[in-house]
Structure formats: structure tokens, C-alpha cells
PDB file of N, CA and C in Angstrom:
ATOM      1  N   MET A   1      -4.564 -38.434 -17.266  1.00  0.00           N
ATOM      2  CA  MET A   1      -5.802 -37.217 -17.410  1.00  0.00           C
ATOM      3  C   MET A   1      -5.152 -36.072 -17.403  1.00  0.00           C
ATOM      4  N   GLU A   2      -5.472 -35.051 -18.398  1.00  0.00           N
ATOM      5  CA  GLU A   2      -5.026 -33.752 -18.024  1.00  0.00           C
ATOM      6  C   GLU A   2      -6.046 -32.716 -17.180  1.00  0.00           C
ATOM      7  N   ASN A   3      -5.448 -32.042 -16.342  1.00  0.00           N
ATOM      8  CA  ASN A   3      -6.364 -31.221 -15.651  1.00  0.00           C
ATOM      9  C   ASN A   3      -6.765 -29.734 -16.533  1.00  0.00           C
ATOM     10  N   THR A   4      -7.952 -29.727 -17.077  1.00  0.00           N
ATOM     11  CA  THR A   4      -8.152 -28.721 -18.167  1.00  0.00           C
ATOM     12  C   THR A   4      -8.839 -27.343 -17.296  1.00  0.00           C
ATOM     13  N   GLU A   5      -9.330 -27.478 -16.060  1.00  0.00           N
ATOM     14  CA  GLU A   5      -9.976 -26.874 -15.217  1.00  0.00           C
ATOM     15  C   GLU A   5      -9.066 -25.351 -15.080  1.00  0.00           C
ATOM     16  N   ASN A   6      -8.045 -25.954 -14.189  1.00  0.00           N
ATOM     17  CA  ASN A   6      -7.085 -24.875 -13.849  1.00  0.00           C
ATOM     18  C   ASN A   6      -5.612 -25.135 -14.670  1.00  0.00           C
ATOM     19  N   PRO A   7      -5.834 -24.792 -15.422  1.00  0.00           N
ATOM     20  CA  PRO A   7      -4.289 -24.798 -16.250  1.00  0.00           C
ATOM     21  C   PRO A   7      -3.169 -24.115 -15.754  1.00  0.00           C
ATOM     22  N   SER A   8      -1.864 -24.401 -15.677  1.00  0.00           N
ATOM     23  CA  SER A   8      -1.104 -23.680 -15.162  1.00  0.00           C
ATOM     24  C   SER A   8      -0.388 -22.768 -16.158  1.00  0.00           C
ATOM     25  N   GLN A   9      -0.447 -21.380 -15.880  1.00  0.00           N
ATOM     26  CA  GLN A   9      -0.239 -20.284 -16.719  1.00  0.00           C
ATOM     27  C   GLN A   9       1.223 -19.845 -16.163  1.00  0.00           C
ATOM     28  N   GLU A  10       2.026 -19.442 -17.331  1.00  0.00           N
ATOM     29  CA  GLU A  10       3.227 -18.645 -16.802  1.00  0.00           C
ATOM     30  C   GLU A  10       2.947 -17.183 -17.223  1.00  0.00           C
ATOM     31  N   VAL A  11       3.375 -16.251 -16.354  1.00  0.00           N
ATOM     32  CA  VAL A  11       3.231 -14.790 -16.568  1.00  0.00           C
ATOM     33  C   VAL A  11       4.526 -14.193 -16.686  1.00  0.00           C
ATOM     34  N   ASN A  12       4.950 -13.488 -17.882  1.00  0.00           N
ATOM     35  CA  ASN A  12       6.108 -12.747 -17.760  1.00  0.00           C
ATOM     36  C   ASN A  12       5.845 -11.266 -17.434  1.00  0.00           C
ATOM     37  N   ILE A  13       6.545 -11.003 -16.134  1.00  0.00           N
ATOM     38  CA  ILE A  13       6.285  -9.595 -15.589  1.00  0.00           C
ATOM     39  C   ILE A  13       7.352  -8.934 -16.068  1.00  0.00           C
ATOM     40  N   GLU A  14       7.158  -7.557 -16.603  1.00  0.00           N
ATOM     41  CA  GLU A  14       8.279  -6.630 -17.021  1.00  0.00           C
ATOM     42  C   GLU A  14       8.174  -5.559 -16.009  1.00  0.00           C
ATOM     43  N   LEU A  15       9.551  -5.211 -15.589  1.00  0.00           N
ATOM     44  CA  LEU A  15       9.552  -4.165 -14.819  1.00  0.00           C
ATOM     45  C   LEU A  15      10.406  -3.141 -15.130  1.00  0.00           C
ATOM     46  N   SER A  16      10.041  -1.946 -15.700  1.00  0.00           N
ATOM     47  CA  SER A  16      10.714  -0.887 -16.341  1.00  0.00           C
ATOM     48  C   SER A  16      11.778   0.024 -15.465  1.00  0.00           C
ATOM     49  N   ALA A  17      12.713   0.359 -15.561  1.00  0.00           N
ATOM     50  CA  ALA A  17      13.733   1.201 -14.800  1.00  0.00           C
ATOM     51  C   ALA A  17      12.794   2.145 -13.904  1.00  0.00           C
ATOM     52  N   ASP A  18      12.234   2.817 -14.525  1.00  0.00           N
ATOM     53  CA  ASP A  18      11.778   4.126 -13.896  1.00  0.00           C
ATOM     54  C   ASP A  18      10.774   3.690 -12.815  1.00  0.00           C
ATOM     55  N   VAL A  19       9.930   2.339 -12.857  1.00  0.00           N
ATOM     56  CA  VAL A  19       9.178   1.846 -11.987  1.00  0.00           C
ATOM     57  C   VAL A  19       9.906   0.983 -11.071  1.00  0.00           C
ATOM     58  N   ALA A  20      11.206   0.669 -11.112  1.00  0.00           N
ATOM     59  CA  ALA A  20      11.954  -0.283 -10.428  1.00  0.00           C
ATOM     60  C   ALA A  20      12.702   0.544  -9.633  1.00  0.00           C
ATOM     61  N   ASP A  21      12.829   1.886  -9.580  1.00  0.00           N
ATOM     62  CA  ASP A  21      13.319   3.059  -8.565  1.00  0.00           C
ATOM     63  C   ASP A  21      12.562   3.194  -7.507  1.00  0.00           C
ATOM     64  N   GLY A  22      11.227   2.738  -7.723  1.00  0.00           N
ATOM     65  CA  GLY A  22      10.286   2.962  -6.484  1.00  0.00           C
ATOM     66  C   GLY A  22      10.043   4.333  -5.953  1.00  0.00           C
ATOM     67  N   ILE A  23       9.129   4.417  -5.039  1.00  0.00           N
ATOM     68  CA  ILE A  23       9.024   5.884  -4.252  1.00  0.00           C
ATOM     69  C   ILE A  23       8.853   5.575  -2.752  1.00  0.00           C
ATOM     70  N   TYR A  24       9.127   6.596  -2.280  1.00  0.00           N
ATOM     71  CA  TYR A  24       8.997   6.462  -0.826  1.00  0.00           C
ATOM     72  C   TYR A  24       8.006   6.980  -0.297  1.00  0.00           C
ATOM     73  N   SER A  25       7.434   6.201   0.494  1.00  0.00           N
ATOM     74  CA  SER A  25       6.239   6.640   1.100  1.00  0.00           C
ATOM     75  C   SER A  25       6.124   6.183   2.711  1.00  0.00           C
ATOM     76  N   ASN A  26       5.878   7.092   3.445  1.00  0.00           N
ATOM     77  CA  ASN A  26       5.477   6.752   5.123  1.00  0.00           C
ATOM     78  C   ASN A  26       4.424   7.035   5.392  1.00  0.00           C
ATOM     79  N   LEU A  27       3.316   6.887   4.540  1.00  0.00           N
ATOM     80  CA  LEU A  27       1.901   7.208   4.869  1.00  0.00           C
ATOM     81  C   LEU A  27       1.075   6.439   3.903  1.00  0.00           C
ATOM     82  N   ALA A  28       0.059   5.652   4.395  1.00  0.00           N
ATOM     83  CA  ALA A  28      -0.831   5.108   3.213  1.00  0.00           C
ATOM     84  C   ALA A  28      -2.152   5.535   3.527  1.00  0.00           C
ATOM     85  N   ILE A  29      -3.210   6.156   2.530  1.00  0.00           N
ATOM     86  CA  ILE A  29      -4.594   6.482   2.831  1.00  0.00           C
ATOM     87  C   ILE A  29      -5.294   5.235   2.366  1.00  0.00           C
ATOM     88  N   ILE A  30      -6.230   4.666   2.976  1.00  0.00           N
ATOM     89  CA  ILE A  30      -6.823   3.696   2.359  1.00  0.00           C
ATOM     90  C   ILE A  30      -8.309   4.087   2.419  1.00  0.00           C
ATOM     91  N   SER A  31      -9.162   4.099   1.322  1.00  0.00           N
ATOM     92  CA  SER A  31     -10.363   4.091   1.070  1.00  0.00           C
ATOM     93  C   SER A  31     -11.189   3.187   0.389  1.00  0.00           C
ATOM     94  N   HIS A  32     -12.478   2.999   0.113  1.00  0.00           N
ATOM     95  CA  HIS A  32     -13.072   2.015  -0.554  1.00  0.00           C
ATOM     96  C   HIS A  32     -14.478   2.208  -0.904  1.00  0.00           C
ATOM     97  N   SER A  33     -15.024   1.789  -1.733  1.00  0.00           N
ATOM     98  CA  SER A  33     -16.236   1.844  -2.437  1.00  0.00           C
ATOM     99  C   SER A  33     -16.665   0.088  -2.367  1.00  0.00           C
ATOM    100  N   PRO A  34     -18.018   0.025  -2.699  1.00  0.00           N
ATOM    101  CA  PRO A  34     -18.395  -1.372  -3.242  1.00  0.00           C
ATOM    102  C   PRO A  34     -17.580  -2.268  -3.794  1.00  0.00           C
ATOM    103  N   ASN A  35     -17.097  -1.481  -4.893  1.00  0.00           N
ATOM    104  CA  ASN A  35     -16.463  -2.359  -5.909  1.00  0.00           C
ATOM    105  C   ASN A  35     -14.816  -2.382  -5.997  1.00  0.00           C
ATOM    106  N   GLU A  36     -14.273  -1.336  -5.088  1.00  0.00           N
ATOM    107  CA  GLU A  36     -12.820  -1.368  -5.268  1.00  0.00           C
ATOM    108  C   GLU A  36     -12.152  -0.456  -4.036  1.00  0.00           C
ATOM    109  N   PHE A  37     -10.735  -0.810  -3.703  1.00  0.00           N
ATOM    110  CA  PHE A  37     -10.132  -0.230  -2.717  1.00  0.00           C
ATOM    111  C   PHE A  37      -9.265   0.476  -3.096  1.00  0.00           C
ATOM    112  N   ILE A  38      -9.163   1.713  -2.718  1.00  0.00           N
ATOM    113  CA  ILE A  38      -8.008   2.639  -3.085  1.00  0.00           C
ATOM    114  C   ILE A  38      -6.968   3.051  -2.020  1.00  0.00           C
ATOM    115  N   ILE A  39      -5.691   2.467  -2.502  1.00  0.00           N
ATOM    116  CA  ILE A  39      -4.455   3.057  -1.491  1.00  0.00           C
ATOM    117  C   ILE A  39      -3.850   4.065  -2.118  1.00  0.00           C
ATOM    118  N   ASP A  40      -3.578   5.167  -1.561  1.00  0.00           N
ATOM    119  CA  ASP A  40      -2.719   6.288  -1.862  1.00  0.00           C
ATOM    120  C   ASP A  40      -1.785   6.599  -0.817  1.00  0.00           C
ATOM    121  N   PHE A  41      -0.325   6.435  -1.702  1.00  0.00           N
ATOM    122  CA  PHE A  41       0.974   6.555  -0.925  1.00  0.00           C
ATOM    123  C   PHE A  41       1.416   7.910  -0.810  1.00  0.00           C
ATOM    124  N   VAL A  42       1.700   8.232   0.307  1.00  0.00           N
ATOM    125  CA  VAL A  42       1.997   9.624   0.400  1.00  0.00           C
ATOM    126  C   VAL A  42       3.562   9.626   1.207  1.00  0.00           C
ATOM    127  N   SER A  43       4.200  10.728   0.748  1.00  0.00           N
ATOM    128  CA  SER A  43       5.523  11.013   1.597  1.00  0.00           C
ATOM    129  C   SER A  43       5.396  12.445   2.509  1.00  0.00           C
ATOM    130  N   VAL A  44       5.002  12.170   3.906  1.00  0.00           N
ATOM    131  CA  VAL A  44       5.102  13.316   4.482  1.00  0.00           C
ATOM    132  C   VAL A  44       6.320  13.557   5.082  1.00  0.00           C
ATOM    133  N   MET A  45       6.712  14.875   5.246  1.00  0.00           N
ATOM    134  CA  MET A  45       8.247  15.190   5.556  1.00  0.00           C
ATOM    135  C   MET A  45       7.842  16.125   6.745  1.00  0.00           C
ATOM    136  N   PRO A  46       8.735  15.748   7.948  1.00  0.00           N
ATOM    137  CA  PRO A  46       8.664  16.798   9.274  1.00  0.00           C
ATOM    138  C   PRO A  46       8.894  18.388   8.911  1.00  0.00           C
ATOM    139  N   GLY A  47       8.013  18.923   9.445  1.00  0.00           N
ATOM    140  CA  GLY A  47       7.828  20.460   9.137  1.00  0.00           C
ATOM    141  C   GLY A  47       7.258  20.868   7.956  1.00  0.00           C
ATOM    142  N   VAL A  48       6.814  20.179   7.333  1.00  0.00           N
ATOM    143  CA  VAL A  48       6.302  20.447   6.004  1.00  0.00           C
ATOM    144  C   VAL A  48       5.074  20.251   5.969  1.00  0.00           C
ATOM    145  N   PRO A  49       3.936  21.612   5.835  1.00  0.00           N
ATOM    146  CA  PRO A  49       2.424  21.232   6.109  1.00  0.00           C
ATOM    147  C   PRO A  49       1.984  20.763   5.113  1.00  0.00           C
ATOM    148  N   LYS A  50       2.590  20.399   3.873  1.00  0.00           N
ATOM    149  CA  LYS A  50       2.002  20.070   2.764  1.00  0.00           C
ATOM    150  C   LYS A  50       2.543  18.574   2.373  1.00  0.00           C
ATOM    151  N   ALA A  51       1.696  17.948   1.797  1.00  0.00           N
ATOM    152  CA  ALA A  51       2.349  16.209   1.383  1.00  0.00           C
ATOM    153  C   ALA A  51       1.677  15.993   0.101  1.00  0.00           C
ATOM    154  N   LYS A  52       2.315  15.376  -0.860  1.00  0.00           N
ATOM    155  CA  LYS A  52       1.365  14.766  -2.097  1.00  0.00           C
ATOM    156  C   LYS A  52       1.234  13.599  -2.092  1.00  0.00           C
ATOM    157  N   VAL A  53       0.338  12.946  -2.575  1.00  0.00           N
ATOM    158  CA  VAL A  53       0.163  11.699  -2.776  1.00  0.00           C
ATOM    159  C   VAL A  53       1.180  11.234  -4.222  1.00  0.00           C
ATOM    160  N   ARG A  54       1.910  10.117  -3.816  1.00  0.00           N
ATOM    161  CA  ARG A  54       2.949   9.863  -4.969  1.00  0.00           C
ATOM    162  C   ARG A  54       2.511   8.966  -5.694  1.00  0.00           C
ATOM    163  N   SER A  55       1.794   8.142  -5.261  1.00  0.00           N
ATOM    164  CA  SER A  55       1.244   6.986  -6.009  1.00  0.00           C
ATOM    165  C   SER A  55      -0.218   6.513  -5.652  1.00  0.00           C
ATOM    166  N   ARG A  56      -0.893   5.751  -6.472  1.00  0.00           N
ATOM    167  CA  ARG A  56      -2.092   5.323  -6.025  1.00  0.00           C
ATOM    168  C   ARG A  56      -2.506   4.096  -6.883  1.00  0.00           C
ATOM    169  N   VAL A  57      -2.918   2.836  -5.847  1.00  0.00           N
ATOM    170  CA  VAL A  57      -3.214   1.696  -6.522  1.00  0.00           C
ATOM    171  C   VAL A  57      -4.584   1.280  -6.114  1.00  0.00           C
ATOM    172  N   ILE A  58      -5.358   1.075  -7.172  1.00  0.00           N
ATOM    173  CA  ILE A  58      -6.796   0.413  -7.128  1.00  0.00           C
ATOM    174  C   ILE A  58      -6.840  -0.998  -7.527  1.00  0.00           C
ATOM    175  N   LEU A  59      -7.377  -1.534  -6.338  1.00  0.00           N
ATOM    176  CA  LEU A  59      -7.682  -3.092  -6.315  1.00  0.00           C
ATOM    177  C   LEU A  59      -9.299  -3.291  -6.252  1.00  0.00           C
ATOM    178  N   THR A  60      -9.297  -4.589  -6.673  1.00  0.00           N
ATOM    179  CA  THR A  60     -10.715  -5.229  -6.355  1.00  0.00           C
ATOM    180  C   THR A  60     -10.852  -5.675  -5.194  1.00  0.00           C
ATOM    181  N   PRO A  61     -11.862  -5.628  -4.385  1.00  0.00           N
ATOM    182  CA  PRO A  61     -12.067  -6.308  -3.108  1.00  0.00           C
ATOM    183  C   PRO A  61     -11.163  -7.787  -3.004  1.00  0.00           C
ATOM    184  N   GLN A  62     -11.467  -8.314  -3.813  1.00  0.00           N
ATOM    185  CA  GLN A  62     -10.804  -9.702  -3.712  1.00  0.00           C
ATOM    186  C   GLN A  62      -9.446  -9.430  -3.763  1.00  0.00           C
ATOM    187  N   ASN A  63      -8.602  -8.753  -4.612  1.00  0.00           N
ATOM    188  CA  ASN A  63      -7.314  -8.665  -4.467  1.00  0.00           C
ATOM    189  C   ASN A  63      -6.509  -7.818  -3.448  1.00  0.00           C
ATOM    190  N   ALA A  64      -7.467  -6.900  -2.992  1.00  0.00           N
ATOM    191  CA  ALA A  64      -7.226  -6.152  -1.832  1.00  0.00           C
ATOM    192  C   ALA A  64      -6.965  -7.324  -0.542  1.00  0.00           C
ATOM    193  N   LYS A  65      -7.859  -8.102  -0.620  1.00  0.00           N
ATOM    194  CA  LYS A  65      -7.776  -9.282   0.673  1.00  0.00           C
ATOM    195  C   LYS A  65      -6.391 -10.116   0.121  1.00  0.00           C
ATOM    196  N   ARG A  66      -6.383 -10.150  -0.867  1.00  0.00           N
ATOM    197  CA  ARG A  66      -5.027 -11.331  -1.216  1.00  0.00           C
ATOM    198  C   ARG A  66      -3.660 -10.371  -0.825  1.00  0.00           C
ATOM    199  N   LEU A  67      -3.713  -8.920  -1.182  1.00  0.00           N
ATOM    200  CA  LEU A  67      -2.609  -8.146  -0.638  1.00  0.00           C
ATOM    201  C   LEU A  67      -2.475  -8.267   0.875  1.00  0.00           C
ATOM    202  N   MET A  68      -3.444  -7.948   1.531  1.00  0.00           N
ATOM    203  CA  MET A  68      -3.584  -8.043   2.980  1.00  0.00           C
ATOM    204  C   MET A  68      -2.808  -9.435   3.482  1.00  0.00           C
ATOM    205  N   LYS A  69      -3.214 -10.282   2.922  1.00  0.00           N
ATOM    206  CA  LYS A  69      -2.712 -12.022   3.567  1.00  0.00           C
ATOM    207  C   LYS A  69      -1.493 -11.905   2.909  1.00  0.00           C
ATOM    208  N   ALA A  70      -0.777 -11.811   1.789  1.00  0.00           N
ATOM    209  CA  ALA A  70       0.561 -11.571   1.573  1.00  0.00           C
ATOM    210  C   ALA A  70       1.334 -10.513   2.105  1.00  0.00           C
ATOM    211  N   LEU A  71       0.888  -9.386   2.564  1.00  0.00           N
ATOM    212  CA  LEU A  71       1.594  -8.483   3.512  1.00  0.00           C
ATOM    213  C   LEU A  71       1.866  -9.281   5.222  1.00  0.00           C
ATOM    214  N   GLU A  72       0.504 -10.123   5.589  1.00  0.00           N
ATOM    215  CA  GLU A  72       0.720 -10.525   6.945  1.00  0.00           C
ATOM    216  C   GLU A  72       1.821 -11.777   6.763  1.00  0.00           C
ATOM    217  N   ASN A  73       1.617 -12.390   5.777  1.00  0.00           N
ATOM    218  CA  ASN A  73       2.690 -13.653   5.584  1.00  0.00           C
ATOM    219  C   ASN A  73       4.136 -13.078   5.211  1.00  0.00           C
ATOM    220  N   ASN A  74       4.417 -12.117   4.822  1.00  0.00           N
ATOM    221  CA  ASN A  74       5.738 -11.479   4.518  1.00  0.00           C
ATOM    222  C   ASN A  74       6.293 -10.748   5.980  1.00  0.00           C
ATOM    223  N   ILE A  75       5.337 -10.085   6.555  1.00  0.00           N
ATOM    224  CA  ILE A  75       5.733  -9.494   7.959  1.00  0.00           C
ATOM    225  C   ILE A  75       6.014 -10.636   8.792  1.00  0.00           C
ATOM    226  N   LYS A  76       5.289 -11.967   8.690  1.00  0.00           N
ATOM    227  CA  LYS A  76       5.574 -12.831   9.788  1.00  0.00           C
ATOM    228  C   LYS A  76       7.075 -13.420   9.349  1.00  0.00           C
ATOM    229  N   THR A  77       7.541 -13.802   8.302  1.00  0.00           N
ATOM    230  CA  THR A  77       8.566 -14.206   7.793  1.00  0.00           C
ATOM    231  C   THR A  77       9.720 -12.901   8.199  1.00  0.00           C
ATOM    232  N   PHE A  78       9.451 -11.683   7.953  1.00  0.00           N
ATOM    233  CA  PHE A  78      10.567 -10.766   8.216  1.00  0.00           C
ATOM    234  C   PHE A  78      10.729 -10.759   9.636  1.00  0.00           C
ATOM    235  N   GLU A  79       9.986 -10.792  10.491  1.00  0.00           N
ATOM    236  CA  GLU A  79      10.174 -10.707  11.841  1.00  0.00           C
ATOM    237  C   GLU A  79      10.550 -12.148  12.439  1.00  0.00           C
ATOM    238  N   LYS A  80      10.495 -13.292  11.908  1.00  0.00           N
ATOM    239  CA  LYS A  80      11.235 -14.234  12.391  1.00  0.00           C
ATOM    240  C   LYS A  80      12.581 -14.306  12.079  1.00  0.00           C
ATOM    241  N   THR A  81      12.868 -13.511  10.905  1.00  0.00           N
ATOM    242  CA  THR A  81      14.254 -13.394  10.778  1.00  0.00           C
ATOM    243  C   THR A  81      15.256 -12.115  11.348  1.00  0.00           C
ATOM    244  N   ASN A  82      14.345 -11.104  11.371  1.00  0.00           N
ATOM    245  CA  ASN A  82      14.992  -9.921  11.899  1.00  0.00           C
ATOM    246  C   ASN A  82      14.309  -9.362  13.151  1.00  0.00           C
ATOM    247  N   GLY A  83      13.336  -9.713  14.138  1.00  0.00           N
ATOM    248  CA  GLY A  83      12.678  -9.372  15.193  1.00  0.00           C
ATOM    249  C   GLY A  83      11.535  -8.864  15.112  1.00  0.00           C
ATOM    250  N   PHE A  84      10.925  -8.307  16.091  1.00  0.00           N
ATOM    251  CA  PHE A  84       9.575  -7.826  16.026  1.00  0.00           C
ATOM    252  C   PHE A  84       9.659  -6.608  15.596  1.00  0.00           C
ATOM    253  N   ILE A  85       8.804  -6.103  14.703  1.00  0.00           N
ATOM    254  CA  ILE A  85       8.593  -4.634  14.028  1.00  0.00           C
ATOM    255  C   ILE A  85       7.807  -4.081  15.263  1.00  0.00           C
ATOM    256  N   LYS A  86       8.336  -3.046  15.772  1.00  0.00           N
ATOM    257  CA  LYS A  86       7.779  -1.983  16.993  1.00  0.00           C
ATOM    258  C   LYS A  86       7.075  -0.955  15.948  1.00  0.00           C
ATOM    259  N   GLU A  87       5.606  -0.750  16.401  1.00  0.00           N
ATOM    260  CA  GLU A  87       4.970   0.229  15.623  1.00  0.00           C
ATOM    261  C   GLU A  87       5.221   1.505  16.212  1.00  0.00           C
ATOM    262  N   GLN A  88       5.037   2.657  15.566  1.00  0.00           N
ATOM    263  CA  GLN A  88       5.112   3.942  15.929  1.00  0.00           C
ATOM    264  C   GLN A  88       4.010   4.495  15.871  1.00  0.00           C
ATOM    265  N   GLU A  89       3.737   5.596  17.233  1.00  0.00           N
ATOM    266  CA  GLU A  89       2.621   6.491  16.898  1.00  0.00           C
ATOM    267  C   GLU A  89       2.640   7.461  15.993  1.00  0.00           C
ATOM    268  N   THR A  90       2.009   7.978  15.232  1.00  0.00           N
ATOM    269  CA  THR A  90       2.233   9.337  14.600  1.00  0.00           C
ATOM    270  C   THR A  90       1.054  10.340  14.865  1.00  0.00           C
ATOM    271  N   ASN A  91       1.862  11.601  14.751  1.00  0.00           N
ATOM    272  CA  ASN A  91       0.522  12.801  14.617  1.00  0.00           C
ATOM    273  C   ASN A  91       0.519  13.552  13.674  1.00  0.00           C
ATOM    274  N   ILE A  92      -0.007  12.844  12.896  1.00  0.00           N
ATOM    275  CA  ILE A  92      -0.354  13.585  11.288  1.00  0.00           C
ATOM    276  C   ILE A  92      -1.578  14.286  11.475  1.00  0.00           C
ATOM    277  N   PRO A  93      -1.751  15.397  11.088  1.00  0.00           N
ATOM    278  CA  PRO A  93      -3.086  15.941  10.966  1.00  0.00           C
ATOM    279  C   PRO A  93      -3.495  15.677   9.885  1.00  0.00           C
ATOM    280  N   PHE A  94      -4.761  15.484   9.577  1.00  0.00           N
ATOM    281  CA  PHE A  94      -5.346  15.181   8.032  1.00  0.00           C
ATOM    282  C   PHE A  94      -6.734  16.109   8.012  1.00  0.00           C
ATOM    283  N   ASN A  95      -6.306  16.960   6.908  1.00  0.00           N
ATOM    284  CA  ASN A  95      -7.468  17.935   6.727  1.00  0.00           C
ATOM    285  C   ASN A  95      -7.676  17.838   5.066  1.00  0.00           C
ATOM    286  N   PHE A  96      -6.647  17.060   4.264  1.00  0.00           N
ATOM    287  CA  PHE A  96      -6.938  16.881   2.990  1.00  0.00           C
ATOM    288  C   PHE A  96      -7.235  18.128   2.092  1.00  0.00           C
ATOM    289  N   GLY A  97      -6.372  19.324   2.725  1.00  0.00           N
ATOM    290  CA  GLY A  97      -6.425  20.311   1.734  1.00  0.00           C
ATOM    291  C   GLY A  97      -7.891  21.330   2.221  1.00  0.00           C
ATOM    292  N   SER A  98      -8.690  21.074   3.017  1.00  0.00           N
ATOM    293  CA  SER A  98      -9.654  21.843   3.704  1.00  0.00           C
ATOM    294  C   SER A  98      -9.500  22.848   4.858  1.00  0.00           C
ATOM    295  N   PRO A  99      -9.899  23.857   5.016  1.00  0.00           N
ATOM    296  CA  PRO A  99      -9.284  24.689   6.099  1.00  0.00           C
ATOM    297  C   PRO A  99      -9.552  23.831   7.340  1.00  0.00           C
ATOM    298  N   THR A 100      -8.415  24.371   8.302  1.00  0.00           N
ATOM    299  CA  THR A 100      -8.610  23.895   9.628  1.00  0.00           C
ATOM    300  C   THR A 100      -9.788  24.470  10.586  1.00  0.00           C
ATOM    301  N   ALA A 101     -10.383  23.798  11.478  1.00  0.00           N
ATOM    302  CA  ALA A 101     -11.368  24.862  12.429  1.00  0.00           C
ATOM    303  C   ALA A 101     -10.533  25.517  13.173  1.00  0.00           C
ATOM    304  N   GLN A 102     -10.921  26.738  13.405  1.00  0.00           N
ATOM    305  CA  GLN A 102     -10.054  27.738  14.604  1.00  0.00           C
ATOM    306  C   GLN A 102     -11.373  28.321  15.378  1.00  0.00           C
ATOM    307  N   ALA A 103     -10.709  28.368  17.012  1.00  0.00           N
ATOM    308  CA  ALA A 103     -11.743  28.862  17.847  1.00  0.00           C
ATOM    309  C   ALA A 103     -11.758  30.333  17.942  1.00  0.00           C
TER     310      ALA A 103
END
């Protein structure tokens, strides 16, 4: 008997050369609404007071959760092979273009 409820589908994914080069990001800013999660990838350089969003990814809440689980799984696999990833504290001021308070 054939399973027609969940047929196996093959997806052909194309990766163009400009996207394959990727972007460098050392900061991700995550925000959300009831319908979507928005992840802005930023490259902050030391001593430079301004940084630009280099890429934005918008996900449904369900796909955001799937991404979180996939990242957790990949980090566990990475750490089994390469050792524990030490987290670093960062002191990045966040004013998002608005003036900073002065006393």
C-alpha cells in the first residue's frame, strides 16, 4: 500500500556564486512579531562607531524553532569533534542610530 499522506519529495536547491561567497557577521539581532522572526546579521568592526546590517532573514515562528534546533544539533556535533566553544562577552553599545544620552 502506497503512503500518499506524506509523499517523499526531492528539492533541487540552487546556490548562485554571489550567495555562495557568503557574508561575514559577528553580531545577530533578533526581533519578532506574532507572525515572524527577523534576524539581522551585522558586521561590527573594532573602533568603527557605525555598523550596517549585511543580511536579513525573515522566518515563520515554526521555521525559527526548526533553525534553533538545527543549530543546537550542529553545535553539539561540532563540539564533539573540535572541543567546547568558549563564549565571549561583548561590549557593543546599541543605540540603533538614535542619539546617546549625555549627562
